[in-house]
Amino acid sequence: QVQLVESGGASVQPGGSLRLSCVDSQGTGTRYSMGWVRQAPGNTGHEGIATLDWYGAIKYADSVKGRFTISRDNAKNTLYLQMDNLKPEDTAMYYCAADLVRRVVTISSIATAREVVRGQGTQVTVSS
């Protein structure tokens, strides 16, 4: 069973940067397509923002394209999200996600599919 633990969230000013990390404590996450999703304050749903699938293909939501970078270190069982030029609208709880079934994922499926496992989340707040 995949067990994901996120870290790296913090409060930053607009224009700042953060790097989120996600460790798979069971060491099995690298077998799956992975991604990051977020939930903004007051929203009930999750927004998919970046995916790195089983084949290594990367996709980004338009809202973060050019500012966020997803990467993975298989040796460390760790998924990263480098976030640059942060904006107030990036304020949200960020979750690491693993799709237990699909080798090819989309920005939508990583946020909504039933077979996706998420961690407990890490809070990112962007405010001046």
Protein backbone atom coordinates (compact mmCIF):
# COMPACT_ATOMS: atom_id res chain seq x y z
CA GLN A 1 0.00 0.00 0.00
CA VAL A 2 1.31 3.44 -0.92
CA GLN A 3 1.75 5.83 1.99
CA LEU A 4 2.54 9.37 0.92
CA VAL A 5 3.90 12.08 3.21
CA GLU A 6 4.18 15.66 1.96
CA SER A 7 6.36 18.44 3.35
CA GLY A 8 7.67 21.86 2.40
CA GLY A 9 4.57 23.98 2.68
CA ALA A 10 4.95 27.44 4.19
CA SER A 11 3.76 31.04 4.08
CA VAL A 12 5.52 33.13 1.44
CA GLN A 13 5.13 36.49 -0.24
CA PRO A 14 3.94 36.83 -3.84
CA GLY A 15 6.79 36.15 -6.24
CA GLY A 16 8.44 33.76 -3.82
CA SER A 17 9.39 30.11 -4.29
CA LEU A 18 8.84 26.86 -2.47
CA ARG A 19 9.75 23.24 -3.09
CA LEU A 20 7.33 20.59 -1.93
CA SER A 21 8.46 17.03 -1.32
CA CYS A 22 6.49 13.81 -1.15
CA VAL A 23 8.04 10.67 0.27
CA ASP A 24 6.51 7.27 -0.24
CA SER A 25 7.27 5.63 3.08
CA GLN A 26 6.56 2.16 1.69
CA GLY A 27 8.95 2.58 -1.22
CA THR A 28 6.35 1.60 -3.81
CA GLY A 29 5.24 4.96 -5.18
CA THR A 30 7.74 4.96 -8.01
CA ARG A 31 5.81 2.11 -9.60
CA TYR A 32 2.86 4.41 -10.21
CA SER A 33 1.92 7.50 -12.13
CA MET A 34 2.20 10.42 -9.72
CA GLY A 35 1.07 13.99 -9.45
CA TRP A 36 0.18 16.97 -7.32
CA VAL A 37 -3.29 18.28 -6.63
CA ARG A 38 -4.49 21.17 -4.49
CA GLN A 39 -7.57 22.28 -2.67
CA ALA A 40 -8.12 26.01 -2.27
CA PRO A 41 -9.84 27.45 0.81
CA GLY A 42 -13.59 27.15 0.57
CA ASN A 43 -13.48 24.69 -2.33
CA THR A 44 -14.79 21.16 -1.91
CA GLY A 45 -13.03 19.72 -4.94
CA HIS A 46 -9.40 19.13 -5.80
CA GLU A 47 -7.55 20.71 -8.71
CA GLY A 48 -4.94 18.69 -10.55
CA ILE A 49 -1.86 20.82 -11.23
CA ALA A 50 0.96 18.53 -12.35
CA THR A 51 1.45 14.90 -13.33
CA LEU A 52 4.40 12.63 -14.06
CA ASP A 53 3.16 9.36 -15.46
CA TRP A 54 4.61 5.87 -15.50
CA TYR A 55 6.35 6.57 -18.85
CA GLY A 56 7.87 9.82 -17.63
CA ALA A 57 5.55 12.17 -19.50
CA ILE A 58 4.79 15.45 -17.68
CA LYS A 59 1.66 17.58 -17.83
CA TYR A 60 0.73 20.84 -16.13
CA ALA A 61 -2.46 22.72 -15.56
CA ASP A 62 -2.58 26.02 -17.43
CA SER A 63 -2.74 27.87 -14.12
CA VAL A 64 0.77 26.76 -13.14
CA LYS A 65 2.47 26.13 -16.49
CA GLY A 66 5.81 27.93 -16.69
CA ARG A 67 5.95 28.47 -12.92
CA PHE A 68 5.82 24.98 -11.39
CA THR A 69 8.08 22.00 -12.11
CA ILE A 70 7.38 18.40 -11.15
CA SER A 71 10.18 15.89 -10.79
CA ARG A 72 10.94 12.55 -9.18
CA ASP A 73 13.98 10.95 -7.56
CA ASN A 74 13.34 7.22 -7.70
CA ALA A 75 16.38 6.41 -5.57
CA LYS A 76 14.89 8.47 -2.75
CA ASN A 77 11.27 7.45 -3.39
CA THR A 78 10.51 11.16 -3.51
CA LEU A 79 8.33 13.34 -5.73
CA TYR A 80 8.98 17.09 -5.87
CA LEU A 81 7.09 20.19 -6.90
CA GLN A 82 9.21 23.29 -7.44
CA MET A 83 6.96 26.34 -7.28
CA ASP A 84 8.28 29.69 -8.51
CA ASN A 85 6.68 33.10 -8.92
CA LEU A 86 3.96 32.16 -6.47
CA LYS A 87 0.70 34.10 -6.57
CA PRO A 88 -1.99 34.62 -3.93
CA GLU A 89 -4.30 32.36 -5.94
CA ASP A 90 -1.85 29.50 -5.37
CA THR A 91 -2.88 29.46 -1.71
CA ALA A 92 -4.17 25.96 -1.01
CA MET A 93 -3.55 22.64 0.66
CA TYR A 94 -1.25 20.67 -1.64
CA TYR A 95 -1.46 16.90 -1.89
CA CYS A 96 0.79 14.34 -3.47
CA ALA A 97 -1.17 11.73 -5.43
CA ALA A 98 -0.48 8.26 -6.82
CA ASP A 99 -2.70 6.58 -9.40
CA LEU A 100 -2.72 2.87 -8.58
CA VAL A 101 -4.11 1.81 -11.96
CA ARG A 102 -3.25 4.10 -14.89
CA ARG A 103 0.13 4.33 -16.56
CA VAL A 104 -1.08 7.43 -18.42
CA VAL A 105 -2.84 10.10 -16.37
CA THR A 106 -4.34 13.50 -17.02
CA ILE A 107 -4.60 16.66 -14.96
CA SER A 108 -8.24 15.77 -14.43
CA SER A 109 -7.84 12.10 -13.56
CA ILE A 110 -5.15 12.67 -10.93
CA ALA A 111 -7.64 14.89 -9.10
CA THR A 112 -10.83 12.88 -9.50
CA ALA A 113 -10.19 9.17 -10.16
CA ARG A 114 -11.21 6.71 -7.47
CA GLU A 115 -7.99 4.76 -7.76
CA VAL A 116 -5.84 7.72 -6.69
CA VAL A 117 -4.24 7.73 -3.24
CA ARG A 118 -3.33 11.06 -1.62
CA GLY A 119 -1.19 12.06 1.32
CA GLN A 120 -2.30 14.23 4.22
CA GLY A 121 -1.32 17.46 2.50
CA THR A 122 0.92 20.44 3.18
CA GLN A 123 -0.34 24.02 3.40
CA VAL A 124 0.93 26.75 1.07
CA THR A 125 -0.09 30.33 1.79
CA VAL A 126 0.89 33.19 -0.52
CA SER A 127 0.24 36.59 0.96
CA SER A 128 1.87 39.96 1.37
